[in-house]
Amino acid sequence: MQLAQGNTVIVAGMATDKIKYGEAGEKRTPRCSFSIYLGKGEDGNGKYANCVAWGGLAQYCSGINERDTVLACGRVDEHEYQGKRYRTLNCDFVMYLPTGGEQAGEQRPMGKFQPVDDGELPF
């Protein structure tokens, strides 16, 4: 897929273990970079979106953990490093759903709510 610089894209997938949070520049602006696994391409290799968020959005993104489901929107920026071209999604919006580390079929605690037996319902 060919993307020109400045296009707005939406990606969704699973966060990888490449999540880095820090501060950049003299103003110490919050910065969070992370990668999203998008699935396998036609060639059978994994496809990833490298993302970066700044400011308050970066602080929010610092809560992303490996294997969380992530939806990110932004523009694609290209840069060259050591003769190789790279694309990064400069995020304007990010939403994620924490996995909580549960195993398949394991349920999360329900907080203050208590499970109710269906036989006790008045309807």
Protein backbone atom coordinates (compact mmCIF):
# COMPACT_ATOMS: atom_id res chain seq x y z
CA MET A 1 0.00 0.00 0.00
CA GLN A 2 1.42 3.38 -0.99
CA LEU A 3 0.81 6.26 1.44
CA ALA A 4 1.81 9.82 0.69
CA GLN A 5 3.07 11.99 3.53
CA GLY A 6 0.24 13.80 5.31
CA ASN A 7 -2.52 11.22 4.73
CA THR A 8 -4.81 10.50 7.67
CA VAL A 9 -5.16 6.82 8.47
CA ILE A 10 -6.87 4.65 11.07
CA VAL A 11 -5.23 1.45 12.31
CA ALA A 12 -6.40 -1.15 14.78
CA GLY A 13 -4.59 -4.13 16.21
CA MET A 14 -2.71 -5.51 19.18
CA ALA A 15 0.02 -3.58 21.02
CA THR A 16 3.47 -5.14 20.95
CA ASP A 17 6.09 -5.01 23.69
CA LYS A 18 7.72 -1.97 22.02
CA ILE A 19 6.15 0.75 24.21
CA LYS A 20 8.40 3.63 25.29
CA TYR A 21 7.42 6.70 27.29
CA GLY A 22 9.64 9.70 27.98
CA GLU A 23 10.09 13.43 27.53
CA ALA A 24 11.56 15.20 24.51
CA GLY A 25 13.18 18.55 23.91
CA GLU A 26 13.91 21.52 26.13
CA LYS A 27 10.26 21.82 27.12
CA ARG A 28 10.28 18.16 28.18
CA THR A 29 7.17 17.39 26.14
CA PRO A 30 5.70 13.96 26.98
CA ARG A 31 6.30 11.45 24.15
CA CYS A 32 5.11 7.86 23.83
CA SER A 33 6.05 5.53 20.99
CA PHE A 34 4.48 2.13 20.46
CA SER A 35 3.91 -0.49 17.78
CA ILE A 36 0.64 -2.11 16.76
CA TYR A 37 0.54 -5.59 15.19
CA LEU A 38 -1.89 -5.37 12.27
CA GLY A 39 -1.82 -8.98 11.10
CA LYS A 40 -0.08 -10.89 8.33
CA GLY A 41 0.45 -9.41 4.91
CA GLU A 42 0.10 -11.14 1.55
CA ASP A 43 3.72 -12.30 1.85
CA GLY A 44 2.96 -14.06 5.16
CA ASN A 45 5.10 -11.66 7.22
CA GLY A 46 3.71 -9.68 10.14
CA LYS A 47 2.68 -6.09 9.44
CA TYR A 48 3.18 -3.42 12.10
CA ALA A 49 2.32 0.27 12.53
CA ASN A 50 4.93 2.31 14.40
CA CYS A 51 3.12 5.08 16.28
CA VAL A 52 4.05 8.18 18.27
CA ALA A 53 1.88 10.39 20.51
CA TRP A 54 2.74 13.72 22.13
CA GLY A 55 1.62 15.76 25.17
CA GLY A 56 -1.49 14.66 27.04
CA LEU A 57 -2.18 11.94 24.50
CA ALA A 58 1.29 10.52 25.20
CA GLN A 59 0.50 10.39 28.92
CA TYR A 60 -2.70 8.47 28.13
CA CYS A 61 -0.81 6.11 25.80
CA SER A 62 1.75 5.36 28.52
CA GLY A 63 -0.93 3.10 30.01
CA ILE A 64 -0.89 0.78 26.99
CA ASN A 65 0.42 -2.70 27.75
CA GLU A 66 1.56 -5.50 25.51
CA ARG A 67 -1.40 -7.35 23.92
CA ASP A 68 -3.91 -4.51 24.54
CA THR A 69 -6.24 -3.82 21.63
CA VAL A 70 -5.39 -0.38 20.19
CA LEU A 71 -7.17 1.93 17.74
CA ALA A 72 -5.07 4.87 16.51
CA CYS A 73 -5.78 7.72 14.05
CA GLY A 74 -3.29 10.18 12.66
CA ARG A 75 -1.10 11.17 9.74
CA VAL A 76 1.74 9.20 8.25
CA ASP A 77 5.14 10.87 8.44
CA GLU A 78 8.16 9.55 6.54
CA HIS A 79 11.80 9.92 7.47
CA GLU A 80 15.09 8.46 6.34
CA TYR A 81 17.66 6.87 8.65
CA GLN A 82 20.93 5.36 7.44
CA GLY A 83 19.67 5.20 3.87
CA LYS A 84 16.40 3.42 4.75
CA ARG A 85 12.92 5.01 4.67
CA TYR A 86 10.62 4.64 7.67
CA ARG A 87 6.96 5.53 8.19
CA THR A 88 5.50 6.56 11.54
CA LEU A 89 1.88 7.21 12.47
CA ASN A 90 1.83 10.58 14.26
CA CYS A 91 -1.31 10.03 16.39
CA ASP A 92 -4.09 12.56 16.87
CA PHE A 93 -6.41 10.06 18.60
CA VAL A 94 -5.78 6.78 20.42
CA MET A 95 -8.13 4.43 22.23
CA TYR A 96 -7.16 1.15 23.84
CA LEU A 97 -8.86 -1.73 25.63
CA PRO A 98 -6.71 -3.23 28.38
CA THR A 99 -6.44 -7.00 28.34
CA GLY A 100 -5.81 -7.15 32.08
CA GLY A 101 -3.51 -10.13 31.51
CA GLU A 102 -6.31 -12.65 31.67
CA GLN A 103 -5.95 -16.06 30.14
CA ALA A 104 -8.50 -17.30 27.63
CA GLY A 105 -11.84 -17.83 29.35
CA GLU A 106 -10.75 -16.15 32.60
CA GLN A 107 -13.14 -13.47 33.86
CA ARG A 108 -12.21 -10.13 35.38
CA PRO A 109 -13.40 -9.30 38.90
CA MET A 110 -16.62 -7.32 38.79
CA GLY A 111 -15.66 -4.67 41.36
CA LYS A 112 -18.53 -3.82 43.73
CA PHE A 113 -21.07 -5.74 41.66
CA GLN A 114 -22.08 -9.20 42.77
CA PRO A 115 -23.11 -12.00 40.39
CA VAL A 116 -26.84 -12.64 40.46
CA ASP A 117 -28.48 -16.04 40.09
CA ASP A 118 -31.03 -15.75 37.25
CA GLY A 119 -33.54 -17.55 39.47
CA GLU A 120 -33.63 -14.54 41.80
CA LEU A 121 -34.72 -12.05 39.11
CA PRO A 122 -38.35 -10.86 39.42
CA PHE A 123 -38.98 -10.97 35.67
